[in-house]
């Protein structure tokens, strides 16, 4: 009788271990299904945390995320230091804005360069405390700095058109863009002051 109880206890423990393992795997799969490289969809299905550099693949990751979670309405930026593909970043920002998504810079968060451009696509843009917003000029493959080009150079249009597309007036787009490319060279960064953040309307609240 005691031996039968011992066998029963062993099988019961084995069953519980198997169920626990399956449950953990399901939890892991659920978490994994909410991760799209630099984007992680939170458990509410409407909020995303973004952390990392914007790359060429990021646009497709964003599209896939929206297909899987069509109710997304807020992206929390943690640390987005820039983009290695400006054309992709501009298209990504337009898509974010078209979908009426808001953006928020988390406490101790950082956005710089292309990360700032993407953040600005948010319909409503808010901030936490102790944040950093960095801007600088872009440079082409030949080392030509944006600030070295005349103001009517057609190479400026990619960015000017983008700012206008996400809601800036023509004057606001021009003022902010030419501020950024003269604030620091491509090899450096200018962290915007509180006065500059307010002057250029980086945050809507």
N, C-alpha and C. Protein backbone atom coordinates (compact mmCIF):
# COMPACT_ATOMS: atom_id res chain seq x y z
N UNK A 1 0.83 -1.20 0.00
CA UNK A 1 0.00 0.00 0.00
C UNK A 1 0.86 1.25 0.00
N UNK A 2 1.92 1.22 0.82
CA UNK A 2 2.81 2.37 0.87
C UNK A 2 3.53 2.56 -0.46
N UNK A 3 3.90 1.43 -1.11
CA UNK A 3 4.60 1.50 -2.39
C UNK A 3 3.69 2.12 -3.45
N UNK A 4 2.39 1.77 -3.45
CA UNK A 4 1.45 2.32 -4.41
C UNK A 4 1.32 3.84 -4.21
N UNK A 5 1.26 4.27 -2.96
CA UNK A 5 1.17 5.71 -2.67
C UNK A 5 2.42 6.44 -3.15
N UNK A 6 3.57 5.78 -3.01
CA UNK A 6 4.83 6.39 -3.44
C UNK A 6 4.84 6.57 -4.95
N UNK A 7 4.39 5.53 -5.68
CA UNK A 7 4.30 5.65 -7.13
C UNK A 7 3.36 6.78 -7.54
N UNK A 8 2.22 6.85 -6.86
CA UNK A 8 1.25 7.90 -7.16
C UNK A 8 1.84 9.28 -6.94
N UNK A 9 2.59 9.41 -5.84
CA UNK A 9 3.21 10.70 -5.52
C UNK A 9 4.23 11.08 -6.58
N UNK A 10 5.02 10.11 -7.03
CA UNK A 10 6.03 10.38 -8.06
C UNK A 10 5.37 10.84 -9.37
N UNK A 11 4.29 10.13 -9.77
CA UNK A 11 3.61 10.51 -11.01
C UNK A 11 2.95 11.88 -10.89
N UNK A 12 2.42 12.17 -9.70
CA UNK A 12 1.77 13.47 -9.49
C UNK A 12 2.80 14.59 -9.60
N UNK A 13 3.98 14.37 -9.00
CA UNK A 13 5.04 15.38 -9.08
C UNK A 13 5.51 15.57 -10.51
N UNK A 14 5.65 14.44 -11.23
CA UNK A 14 6.08 14.51 -12.63
C UNK A 14 5.06 15.27 -13.46
N UNK A 15 3.78 15.04 -13.21
CA UNK A 15 2.72 15.72 -13.93
C UNK A 15 2.77 17.23 -13.68
N UNK A 16 2.98 17.59 -12.42
CA UNK A 16 3.05 19.01 -12.07
C UNK A 16 4.25 19.69 -12.73
N UNK A 17 5.37 18.97 -12.78
CA UNK A 17 6.57 19.52 -13.43
C UNK A 17 6.34 19.75 -14.92
N UNK A 18 5.66 18.81 -15.56
CA UNK A 18 5.38 18.93 -16.99
C UNK A 18 4.44 20.10 -17.24
N UNK A 19 3.39 20.21 -16.43
CA UNK A 19 2.43 21.31 -16.58
C UNK A 19 3.13 22.65 -16.35
N UNK A 20 4.00 22.69 -15.34
CA UNK A 20 4.73 23.92 -15.06
C UNK A 20 5.64 24.31 -16.20
N UNK A 21 6.29 23.30 -16.79
CA UNK A 21 7.19 23.56 -17.91
C UNK A 21 6.42 24.09 -19.11
N UNK A 22 5.26 23.50 -19.39
CA UNK A 22 4.44 23.95 -20.50
C UNK A 22 3.98 25.38 -20.27
N UNK A 23 3.57 25.66 -19.03
CA UNK A 23 3.11 27.01 -18.68
C UNK A 23 4.21 28.03 -18.87
N UNK A 24 5.43 27.71 -18.43
CA UNK A 24 6.56 28.63 -18.59
C UNK A 24 6.86 28.87 -20.05
N UNK A 25 6.82 27.80 -20.84
CA UNK A 25 7.09 27.94 -22.27
C UNK A 25 6.04 28.82 -22.94
N UNK A 26 4.78 28.65 -22.51
CA UNK A 26 3.72 29.47 -23.07
C UNK A 26 3.92 30.93 -22.71
N UNK A 27 4.34 31.18 -21.47
CA UNK A 27 4.61 32.55 -21.04
C UNK A 27 5.75 33.15 -21.85
N UNK A 28 6.80 32.36 -22.06
CA UNK A 28 7.94 32.83 -22.86
C UNK A 28 7.51 33.15 -24.28
N UNK A 29 6.67 32.27 -24.85
CA UNK A 29 6.19 32.50 -26.22
C UNK A 29 5.34 33.77 -26.29
N UNK A 30 4.53 34.00 -25.24
CA UNK A 30 3.68 35.18 -25.23
C UNK A 30 4.52 36.45 -25.20
N UNK A 31 5.59 36.43 -24.37
CA UNK A 31 6.48 37.59 -24.31
C UNK A 31 7.18 37.78 -25.64
N UNK A 32 7.68 36.68 -26.21
CA UNK A 32 8.40 36.76 -27.48
C UNK A 32 7.52 37.30 -28.58
N UNK A 33 6.24 36.97 -28.57
CA UNK A 33 5.34 37.41 -29.64
C UNK A 33 5.04 38.90 -29.55
N UNK A 34 5.44 39.54 -28.43
CA UNK A 34 5.23 40.97 -28.29
C UNK A 34 6.50 41.79 -28.58
N UNK A 35 7.58 41.10 -28.94
CA UNK A 35 8.86 41.78 -29.19
C UNK A 35 9.11 41.87 -30.69
N UNK A 36 9.34 43.08 -31.16
CA UNK A 36 9.63 43.33 -32.58
C UNK A 36 10.93 44.15 -32.64
N UNK A 37 12.03 43.48 -32.31
CA UNK A 37 13.36 44.08 -32.25
C UNK A 37 13.38 45.23 -31.25
N UNK A 38 13.42 46.49 -31.70
CA UNK A 38 13.52 47.62 -30.76
C UNK A 38 12.18 47.96 -30.11
N UNK A 39 11.10 47.33 -30.58
CA UNK A 39 9.77 47.58 -30.03
C UNK A 39 9.32 46.41 -29.17
N UNK A 40 8.77 46.73 -27.99
CA UNK A 40 8.17 45.71 -27.14
C UNK A 40 6.76 46.16 -26.76
N UNK A 41 5.78 45.39 -27.20
CA UNK A 41 4.39 45.71 -26.88
C UNK A 41 4.11 45.30 -25.44
N UNK A 42 3.53 46.21 -24.67
CA UNK A 42 3.22 45.93 -23.28
C UNK A 42 1.95 45.08 -23.18
N UNK A 43 1.69 44.58 -21.97
CA UNK A 43 0.60 43.62 -21.79
C UNK A 43 -0.78 44.19 -22.12
N UNK A 44 -0.92 45.53 -22.10
CA UNK A 44 -2.23 46.11 -22.42
C UNK A 44 -2.54 46.10 -23.91
N UNK A 45 -1.53 45.81 -24.74
CA UNK A 45 -1.75 45.72 -26.18
C UNK A 45 -1.87 47.05 -26.89
N UNK A 46 -1.76 48.16 -26.15
CA UNK A 46 -1.89 49.49 -26.75
C UNK A 46 -0.64 50.35 -26.57
N UNK A 47 0.25 49.93 -25.69
CA UNK A 47 1.45 50.70 -25.36
C UNK A 47 2.69 49.94 -25.77
N UNK A 48 3.68 50.66 -26.29
CA UNK A 48 4.92 50.06 -26.77
C UNK A 48 6.10 50.75 -26.08
N UNK A 49 7.11 49.99 -25.73
CA UNK A 49 8.37 50.60 -25.30
C UNK A 49 9.38 50.44 -26.43
N UNK A 50 10.04 51.52 -26.76
CA UNK A 50 11.06 51.51 -27.82
C UNK A 50 12.42 51.76 -27.21
N UNK A 51 13.39 50.93 -27.59
CA UNK A 51 14.73 51.04 -27.02
C UNK A 51 15.74 50.52 -28.05
N UNK A 52 16.58 51.41 -28.57
CA UNK A 52 17.60 50.98 -29.52
C UNK A 52 17.66 51.84 -30.77
N UNK A 53 18.64 51.58 -31.59
CA UNK A 53 18.86 52.35 -32.81
C UNK A 53 17.86 51.97 -33.89
N UNK A 54 17.43 52.95 -34.66
CA UNK A 54 16.53 52.72 -35.79
C UNK A 54 17.35 52.24 -36.97
N UNK A 55 16.96 51.10 -37.52
CA UNK A 55 17.69 50.50 -38.65
C UNK A 55 16.76 50.30 -39.83
N UNK A 56 17.31 49.80 -40.93
CA UNK A 56 16.50 49.58 -42.13
C UNK A 56 15.35 48.62 -41.84
N UNK A 57 15.57 47.61 -41.03
CA UNK A 57 14.53 46.61 -40.74
C UNK A 57 13.43 47.16 -39.83
N UNK A 58 13.69 48.29 -39.16
CA UNK A 58 12.75 48.80 -38.16
C UNK A 58 11.40 49.14 -38.76
N UNK A 59 11.37 49.60 -40.00
CA UNK A 59 10.10 49.93 -40.64
C UNK A 59 9.23 48.69 -40.79
N UNK A 60 9.81 47.60 -41.25
CA UNK A 60 9.03 46.36 -41.39
C UNK A 60 8.63 45.81 -40.03
N UNK A 61 9.51 45.94 -39.04
CA UNK A 61 9.15 45.52 -37.68
C UNK A 61 7.93 46.30 -37.19
N UNK A 62 7.92 47.59 -37.47
CA UNK A 62 6.81 48.44 -37.05
C UNK A 62 5.52 48.03 -37.74
N UNK A 63 5.60 47.78 -39.03
CA UNK A 63 4.41 47.35 -39.78
C UNK A 63 3.87 46.03 -39.24
N UNK A 64 4.77 45.08 -38.99
CA UNK A 64 4.35 43.78 -38.46
C UNK A 64 3.70 43.94 -37.09
N UNK A 65 4.26 44.84 -36.29
CA UNK A 65 3.71 45.09 -34.96
C UNK A 65 2.30 45.66 -35.05
N UNK A 66 2.09 46.62 -35.95
CA UNK A 66 0.76 47.21 -36.10
C UNK A 66 -0.26 46.20 -36.60
N UNK A 67 0.18 45.27 -37.45
CA UNK A 67 -0.74 44.23 -37.92
C UNK A 67 -1.15 43.33 -36.76
N UNK A 68 -0.20 43.02 -35.90
CA UNK A 68 -0.48 42.12 -34.77
C UNK A 68 -1.23 42.84 -33.64
N UNK A 69 -0.96 44.13 -33.49
CA UNK A 69 -1.56 44.90 -32.40
C UNK A 69 -2.11 46.22 -32.95
N UNK A 70 -3.24 46.18 -33.60
CA UNK A 70 -3.77 47.36 -34.29
C UNK A 70 -4.25 48.47 -33.37
N UNK A 71 -4.34 48.21 -32.05
CA UNK A 71 -4.84 49.22 -31.12
C UNK A 71 -3.73 50.04 -30.47
N UNK A 72 -2.50 49.90 -30.93
CA UNK A 72 -1.39 50.66 -30.36
C UNK A 72 -1.65 52.16 -30.51
N UNK A 73 -1.50 52.89 -29.40
CA UNK A 73 -1.73 54.33 -29.44
C UNK A 73 -0.64 55.14 -28.73
N UNK A 74 0.37 54.46 -28.17
CA UNK A 74 1.43 55.18 -27.45
C UNK A 74 2.74 54.43 -27.55
N UNK A 75 3.80 55.17 -27.87
CA UNK A 75 5.15 54.60 -27.85
C UNK A 75 5.97 55.34 -26.80
N UNK A 76 6.48 54.60 -25.82
CA UNK A 76 7.37 55.14 -24.80
C UNK A 76 8.81 54.97 -25.26
N UNK A 77 9.52 56.06 -25.41
CA UNK A 77 10.92 56.02 -25.84
C UNK A 77 11.82 55.93 -24.61
N UNK A 78 12.69 54.93 -24.58
CA UNK A 78 13.64 54.80 -23.48
C UNK A 78 15.00 55.37 -23.89
N UNK A 79 15.64 54.75 -24.85
CA UNK A 79 16.92 55.26 -25.37
C UNK A 79 16.98 54.96 -26.87
N UNK A 80 16.78 56.00 -27.66
CA UNK A 80 16.78 55.87 -29.12
C UNK A 80 17.81 56.87 -29.64
N UNK A 81 19.07 56.44 -29.80
CA UNK A 81 20.17 57.36 -30.08
C UNK A 81 20.29 57.82 -31.52
N UNK A 82 19.48 57.28 -32.41
CA UNK A 82 19.57 57.73 -33.80
C UNK A 82 19.15 56.68 -34.78
N UNK A 83 19.49 56.94 -36.04
CA UNK A 83 19.12 56.06 -37.15
C UNK A 83 20.31 55.89 -38.08
N UNK A 84 20.46 54.69 -38.62
CA UNK A 84 21.51 54.49 -39.63
C UNK A 84 20.93 54.47 -41.04
N UNK A 85 19.64 54.86 -41.16
CA UNK A 85 18.98 54.88 -42.46
C UNK A 85 17.92 55.98 -42.42
N UNK A 86 18.30 57.18 -42.85
CA UNK A 86 17.40 58.34 -42.73
C UNK A 86 16.14 58.20 -43.57
N UNK A 87 16.26 57.62 -44.76
CA UNK A 87 15.08 57.47 -45.61
C UNK A 87 14.05 56.56 -44.95
N UNK A 88 14.53 55.46 -44.37
CA UNK A 88 13.63 54.55 -43.66
C UNK A 88 13.02 55.24 -42.45
N UNK A 89 13.82 56.01 -41.74
CA UNK A 89 13.33 56.70 -40.55
C UNK A 89 12.22 57.69 -40.89
N UNK A 90 12.38 58.40 -41.98
CA UNK A 90 11.35 59.35 -42.42
C UNK A 90 10.05 58.62 -42.75
N UNK A 91 10.16 57.50 -43.45
CA UNK A 91 8.97 56.73 -43.79
C UNK A 91 8.31 56.16 -42.53
N UNK A 92 9.12 55.73 -41.59
CA UNK A 92 8.61 55.21 -40.32
C UNK A 92 7.86 56.29 -39.56
N UNK A 93 8.43 57.49 -39.51
CA UNK A 93 7.77 58.59 -38.83
C UNK A 93 6.44 58.96 -39.46
N UNK A 94 6.40 58.98 -40.77
CA UNK A 94 5.14 59.28 -41.46
C UNK A 94 4.06 58.25 -41.11
N UNK A 95 4.47 56.97 -41.04
CA UNK A 95 3.52 55.90 -40.72
C UNK A 95 3.04 56.03 -39.28
N UNK A 96 3.93 56.35 -38.38
CA UNK A 96 3.56 56.55 -36.98
C UNK A 96 2.54 57.68 -36.86
N UNK A 97 2.80 58.77 -37.55
CA UNK A 97 1.92 59.93 -37.48
C UNK A 97 0.56 59.64 -38.13
N UNK A 98 0.57 58.96 -39.25
CA UNK A 98 -0.67 58.61 -39.95
C UNK A 98 -1.58 57.75 -39.08
N UNK A 99 -0.97 56.92 -38.24
CA UNK A 99 -1.74 56.05 -37.36
C UNK A 99 -2.12 56.73 -36.05
N UNK A 100 -1.87 58.03 -35.95
CA UNK A 100 -2.31 58.84 -34.82
C UNK A 100 -1.80 58.30 -33.49
N UNK A 101 -0.52 57.94 -33.47
CA UNK A 101 0.11 57.39 -32.27
C UNK A 101 0.81 58.52 -31.50
N UNK A 102 0.70 58.49 -30.18
CA UNK A 102 1.37 59.46 -29.33
C UNK A 102 2.75 58.95 -28.93
N UNK A 103 3.63 59.86 -28.54
CA UNK A 103 4.97 59.48 -28.10
C UNK A 103 5.25 60.08 -26.73
N UNK A 104 6.05 59.36 -25.94
CA UNK A 104 6.41 59.80 -24.59
C UNK A 104 7.87 59.44 -24.34
N UNK A 105 8.63 60.38 -23.80
CA UNK A 105 10.02 60.15 -23.43
C UNK A 105 10.06 59.84 -21.94
N UNK A 106 10.47 58.62 -21.64
CA UNK A 106 10.43 58.13 -20.27
C UNK A 106 11.40 58.86 -19.35
N UNK A 107 11.21 58.70 -18.05
CA UNK A 107 12.17 59.23 -17.08
C UNK A 107 13.57 58.75 -17.42
N UNK A 108 14.54 59.65 -17.40
CA UNK A 108 15.94 59.35 -17.74
C UNK A 108 16.11 58.90 -19.19
N UNK A 109 15.10 59.16 -20.01
CA UNK A 109 15.15 58.73 -21.40
C UNK A 109 16.02 59.62 -22.27
N UNK A 110 16.42 59.08 -23.41
CA UNK A 110 17.28 59.80 -24.35
C UNK A 110 16.79 59.58 -25.77
N UNK A 111 16.66 60.67 -26.51
CA UNK A 111 16.47 60.59 -27.95
C UNK A 111 17.50 61.51 -28.60
N UNK A 112 18.05 61.09 -29.72
CA UNK A 112 19.05 61.91 -30.40
C UNK A 112 18.96 61.67 -31.90
N UNK A 113 19.35 62.69 -32.65
CA UNK A 113 19.45 62.59 -34.10
C UNK A 113 18.14 62.07 -34.68
N UNK A 114 18.19 60.95 -35.41
CA UNK A 114 16.98 60.39 -36.01
C UNK A 114 15.95 59.97 -34.99
N UNK A 115 16.38 59.70 -33.75
CA UNK A 115 15.44 59.37 -32.69
C UNK A 115 14.54 60.55 -32.37
N UNK A 116 15.09 61.77 -32.47
CA UNK A 116 14.30 62.98 -32.26
C UNK A 116 13.28 63.12 -33.39
N UNK A 117 13.73 62.91 -34.62
CA UNK A 117 12.82 63.02 -35.76
C UNK A 117 11.64 62.07 -35.62
N UNK A 118 11.92 60.84 -35.19
CA UNK A 118 10.83 59.88 -35.04
C UNK A 118 9.92 60.28 -33.89
N UNK A 119 10.47 60.71 -32.79
CA UNK A 119 9.66 61.14 -31.65
C UNK A 119 8.70 62.25 -32.04
N UNK A 120 9.16 63.17 -32.87
CA UNK A 120 8.34 64.31 -33.27
C UNK A 120 7.12 63.91 -34.10
N UNK A 121 7.09 62.68 -34.60
CA UNK A 121 5.94 62.21 -35.37
C UNK A 121 4.74 61.93 -34.49
N UNK A 122 4.95 61.87 -33.17
CA UNK A 122 3.83 61.63 -32.26
C UNK A 122 2.81 62.75 -32.32
N UNK A 123 1.54 62.39 -32.30
CA UNK A 123 0.48 63.40 -32.33
C UNK A 123 0.52 64.23 -31.06
N UNK A 124 0.56 63.55 -29.91
CA UNK A 124 0.81 64.20 -28.62
C UNK A 124 2.18 63.71 -28.14
N UNK A 125 2.99 64.65 -27.65
CA UNK A 125 4.36 64.31 -27.26
C UNK A 125 4.60 64.77 -25.83
N UNK A 126 4.87 63.82 -24.95
CA UNK A 126 5.03 64.14 -23.54
C UNK A 126 6.39 63.65 -23.06
N UNK A 127 6.70 64.00 -21.80
CA UNK A 127 8.03 63.71 -21.27
C UNK A 127 7.99 63.34 -19.80
N UNK A 128 9.00 62.54 -19.41
CA UNK A 128 9.23 62.29 -17.99
C UNK A 128 10.26 63.28 -17.48
N UNK A 129 10.98 62.90 -16.44
CA UNK A 129 11.98 63.78 -15.84
C UNK A 129 13.39 63.36 -16.25
N UNK A 130 14.31 64.30 -16.16
CA UNK A 130 15.73 64.04 -16.43
C UNK A 130 15.96 63.46 -17.82
N UNK A 131 15.38 64.10 -18.81
CA UNK A 131 15.46 63.58 -20.19
C UNK A 131 16.55 64.30 -20.98
N UNK A 132 16.97 63.66 -22.09
CA UNK A 132 17.99 64.24 -22.97
C UNK A 132 17.49 64.19 -24.41
N UNK A 133 17.58 65.34 -25.08
CA UNK A 133 17.18 65.44 -26.49
C UNK A 133 18.38 66.02 -27.24
N UNK A 134 19.00 65.20 -28.08
CA UNK A 134 20.23 65.61 -28.77
C UNK A 134 20.03 65.75 -30.27
N UNK A 135 20.62 66.82 -30.84
CA UNK A 135 20.51 67.06 -32.29
C UNK A 135 21.89 67.38 -32.86
N UNK A 136 22.01 67.18 -34.15
CA UNK A 136 23.25 67.53 -34.86
C UNK A 136 23.00 67.52 -36.36
N UNK A 137 24.01 67.89 -37.10
CA UNK A 137 23.92 67.89 -38.57
C UNK A 137 24.08 66.47 -39.10
N UNK A 138 23.53 66.24 -40.28
CA UNK A 138 23.83 64.99 -40.98
C UNK A 138 24.99 65.25 -41.94
N UNK A 139 25.63 64.17 -42.35
CA UNK A 139 26.72 64.27 -43.32
C UNK A 139 26.55 63.16 -44.34
N UNK A 140 26.90 63.45 -45.60
CA UNK A 140 26.77 62.42 -46.63
C UNK A 140 28.02 61.54 -46.67
N UNK A 141 28.04 60.60 -47.58
CA UNK A 141 29.15 59.67 -47.67
C UNK A 141 30.47 60.29 -48.03
N UNK A 142 30.41 61.50 -48.58
CA UNK A 142 31.64 62.21 -48.94
C UNK A 142 32.13 63.12 -47.83
N UNK A 143 31.39 63.13 -46.72
CA UNK A 143 31.79 63.97 -45.60
C UNK A 143 31.24 65.38 -45.64
N UNK A 144 30.38 65.67 -46.62
CA UNK A 144 29.77 67.00 -46.69
C UNK A 144 28.75 67.15 -45.57
N UNK A 145 28.90 68.21 -44.78
CA UNK A 145 28.00 68.47 -43.67
C UNK A 145 26.76 69.23 -44.17
N UNK A 146 25.61 68.91 -43.59
CA UNK A 146 24.38 69.58 -44.00
C UNK A 146 24.48 71.09 -43.85
N UNK A 147 25.15 71.55 -42.81
CA UNK A 147 25.28 72.97 -42.56
C UNK A 147 26.13 73.70 -43.58
N UNK A 148 26.88 72.94 -44.38
CA UNK A 148 27.74 73.54 -45.41
C UNK A 148 26.98 73.81 -46.70
N UNK A 149 25.77 73.25 -46.80
CA UNK A 149 25.00 73.39 -48.03
C UNK A 149 24.18 74.68 -48.00
N UNK A 150 23.96 75.31 -49.15
CA UNK A 150 23.09 76.49 -49.17
C UNK A 150 21.67 76.11 -48.77
N UNK A 151 20.93 77.05 -48.25
CA UNK A 151 19.60 76.75 -47.72
C UNK A 151 18.64 76.25 -48.78
N UNK A 152 18.89 76.57 -50.05
CA UNK A 152 17.99 76.12 -51.12
C UNK A 152 18.46 74.82 -51.76
N UNK A 153 19.45 74.18 -51.17
CA UNK A 153 19.94 72.91 -51.73
C UNK A 153 18.83 71.85 -51.63
N UNK A 154 18.57 71.13 -52.71
CA UNK A 154 17.46 70.14 -52.70
C UNK A 154 17.65 69.01 -51.69
N UNK A 155 18.88 68.81 -51.22
CA UNK A 155 19.11 67.74 -50.26
C UNK A 155 18.47 68.02 -48.90
N UNK A 156 18.09 69.25 -48.66
CA UNK A 156 17.39 69.57 -47.42
C UNK A 156 15.92 69.13 -47.45
N UNK A 157 15.38 68.91 -48.66
CA UNK A 157 13.94 68.70 -48.79
C UNK A 157 13.45 67.44 -48.09
N UNK A 158 14.27 66.39 -48.02
CA UNK A 158 13.84 65.15 -47.36
C UNK A 158 13.34 65.45 -45.95
N UNK A 159 14.08 66.30 -45.25
CA UNK A 159 13.77 66.57 -43.86
C UNK A 159 12.69 67.65 -43.73
N UNK A 160 12.78 68.68 -44.54
CA UNK A 160 11.77 69.74 -44.49
C UNK A 160 10.38 69.19 -44.83
N UNK A 161 10.32 68.38 -45.88
CA UNK A 161 9.05 67.78 -46.28
C UNK A 161 8.52 66.87 -45.17
N UNK A 162 9.43 66.17 -44.52
CA UNK A 162 9.02 65.27 -43.44
C UNK A 162 8.39 66.03 -42.28
N UNK A 163 9.05 67.08 -41.82
CA UNK A 163 8.50 67.85 -40.71
C UNK A 163 7.13 68.43 -41.05
N UNK A 164 6.97 68.88 -42.28
CA UNK A 164 5.67 69.40 -42.70
C UNK A 164 4.62 68.29 -42.73
N UNK A 165 5.03 67.09 -43.16
CA UNK A 165 4.09 65.97 -43.27
C UNK A 165 3.58 65.53 -41.90
N UNK A 166 4.39 65.71 -40.85
CA UNK A 166 3.96 65.26 -39.53
C UNK A 166 3.32 66.38 -38.71
N UNK A 167 3.07 67.54 -39.37
CA UNK A 167 2.27 68.56 -38.72
C UNK A 167 2.91 69.91 -38.47
N UNK A 168 4.20 70.07 -38.80
CA UNK A 168 4.83 71.36 -38.64
C UNK A 168 4.38 72.31 -39.74
N UNK A 169 4.30 73.59 -39.43
CA UNK A 169 4.09 74.56 -40.50
C UNK A 169 5.39 74.67 -41.30
N UNK A 170 5.32 75.32 -42.45
CA UNK A 170 6.52 75.51 -43.26
C UNK A 170 7.58 76.26 -42.46
N UNK A 171 7.18 77.28 -41.73
CA UNK A 171 8.13 78.06 -40.95
C UNK A 171 8.71 77.26 -39.79
N UNK A 172 7.88 76.50 -39.10
CA UNK A 172 8.36 75.66 -38.00
C UNK A 172 9.34 74.61 -38.48
N UNK A 173 9.03 74.01 -39.62
CA UNK A 173 9.91 72.99 -40.19
C UNK A 173 11.27 73.59 -40.52
N UNK A 174 11.25 74.74 -41.16
CA UNK A 174 12.51 75.40 -41.54
C UNK A 174 13.30 75.82 -40.31
N UNK A 175 12.63 76.43 -39.36
CA UNK A 175 13.32 76.91 -38.16
C UNK A 175 13.99 75.77 -37.41
N UNK A 176 13.25 74.69 -37.20
CA UNK A 176 13.81 73.58 -36.42
C UNK A 176 14.92 72.87 -37.19
N UNK A 177 14.67 72.58 -38.46
CA UNK A 177 15.66 71.85 -39.24
C UNK A 177 16.99 72.59 -39.31
N UNK A 178 16.96 73.87 -39.64
CA UNK A 178 18.21 74.60 -39.77
C UNK A 178 18.88 74.85 -38.42
N UNK A 179 18.07 74.87 -37.37
CA UNK A 179 18.66 74.90 -36.03
C UNK A 179 19.47 73.64 -35.78
N UNK A 180 18.89 72.47 -36.10
CA UNK A 180 19.57 71.21 -35.79
C UNK A 180 20.88 71.06 -36.56
N UNK A 181 20.88 71.43 -37.85
CA UNK A 181 22.09 71.18 -38.64
C UNK A 181 23.20 72.18 -38.35
N UNK A 182 22.85 73.25 -37.65
CA UNK A 182 23.87 74.21 -37.25
C UNK A 182 24.22 74.11 -35.77
N UNK A 183 23.50 73.29 -35.03
CA UNK A 183 23.73 73.17 -33.59
C UNK A 183 25.00 72.40 -33.26
N UNK A 184 25.34 71.42 -34.10
CA UNK A 184 26.54 70.61 -33.86
C UNK A 184 26.87 69.86 -35.15
N UNK A 185 28.16 69.59 -35.40
CA UNK A 185 28.53 68.80 -36.58
C UNK A 185 28.09 67.35 -36.42
N UNK A 186 28.16 66.60 -37.51
CA UNK A 186 27.70 65.21 -37.49
C UNK A 186 28.46 64.35 -36.50
N UNK A 187 29.70 64.72 -36.22
CA UNK A 187 30.54 63.94 -35.31
C UNK A 187 30.30 64.27 -33.84
N UNK A 188 29.42 65.23 -33.58
CA UNK A 188 29.17 65.67 -32.21
C UNK A 188 27.67 65.69 -31.96
N UNK A 189 27.27 66.26 -30.85
CA UNK A 189 25.85 66.33 -30.50
C UNK A 189 25.59 67.57 -29.65
N UNK A 190 24.43 68.16 -29.84
CA UNK A 190 24.01 69.28 -29.00
C UNK A 190 22.78 68.85 -28.23
N UNK A 191 22.88 68.83 -26.91
CA UNK A 191 21.73 68.51 -26.07
C UNK A 191 20.91 69.78 -25.87
N UNK A 192 19.68 69.73 -26.32
CA UNK A 192 18.83 70.91 -26.31
C UNK A 192 18.54 71.39 -24.89
N UNK A 193 18.53 72.69 -24.71
CA UNK A 193 18.20 73.29 -23.43
C UNK A 193 16.69 73.32 -23.23
N UNK A 194 16.27 73.60 -22.02
CA UNK A 194 14.84 73.71 -21.75
C UNK A 194 14.21 74.81 -22.61
N UNK A 195 14.93 75.91 -22.78
CA UNK A 195 14.42 77.00 -23.60
C UNK A 195 14.25 76.57 -25.05
N UNK A 196 15.20 75.81 -25.55
CA UNK A 196 15.12 75.33 -26.94
C UNK A 196 14.00 74.30 -27.11
N UNK A 197 13.84 73.44 -26.13
CA UNK A 197 12.76 72.45 -26.20
C UNK A 197 11.41 73.15 -26.30
N UNK A 198 11.25 74.22 -25.55
CA UNK A 198 10.00 74.97 -25.58
C UNK A 198 9.88 75.77 -26.87
N UNK A 199 10.98 76.41 -27.29
CA UNK A 199 10.97 77.23 -28.50
C UNK A 199 10.52 76.45 -29.72
N UNK A 200 11.00 75.22 -29.85
CA UNK A 200 10.71 74.44 -31.06
C UNK A 200 9.56 73.46 -30.87
N UNK A 201 8.89 73.50 -29.74
CA UNK A 201 7.69 72.68 -29.55
C UNK A 201 7.94 71.19 -29.58
N UNK A 202 9.05 70.77 -28.98
CA UNK A 202 9.38 69.34 -28.99
C UNK A 202 8.30 68.54 -28.27
N UNK A 203 7.77 69.11 -27.20
CA UNK A 203 6.70 68.44 -26.44
C UNK A 203 5.42 69.26 -26.56
N UNK A 204 4.31 68.57 -26.62
CA UNK A 204 3.03 69.26 -26.76
C UNK A 204 2.42 69.58 -25.41
N UNK A 205 2.96 69.00 -24.35
CA UNK A 205 2.48 69.27 -22.99
C UNK A 205 3.65 69.61 -22.08
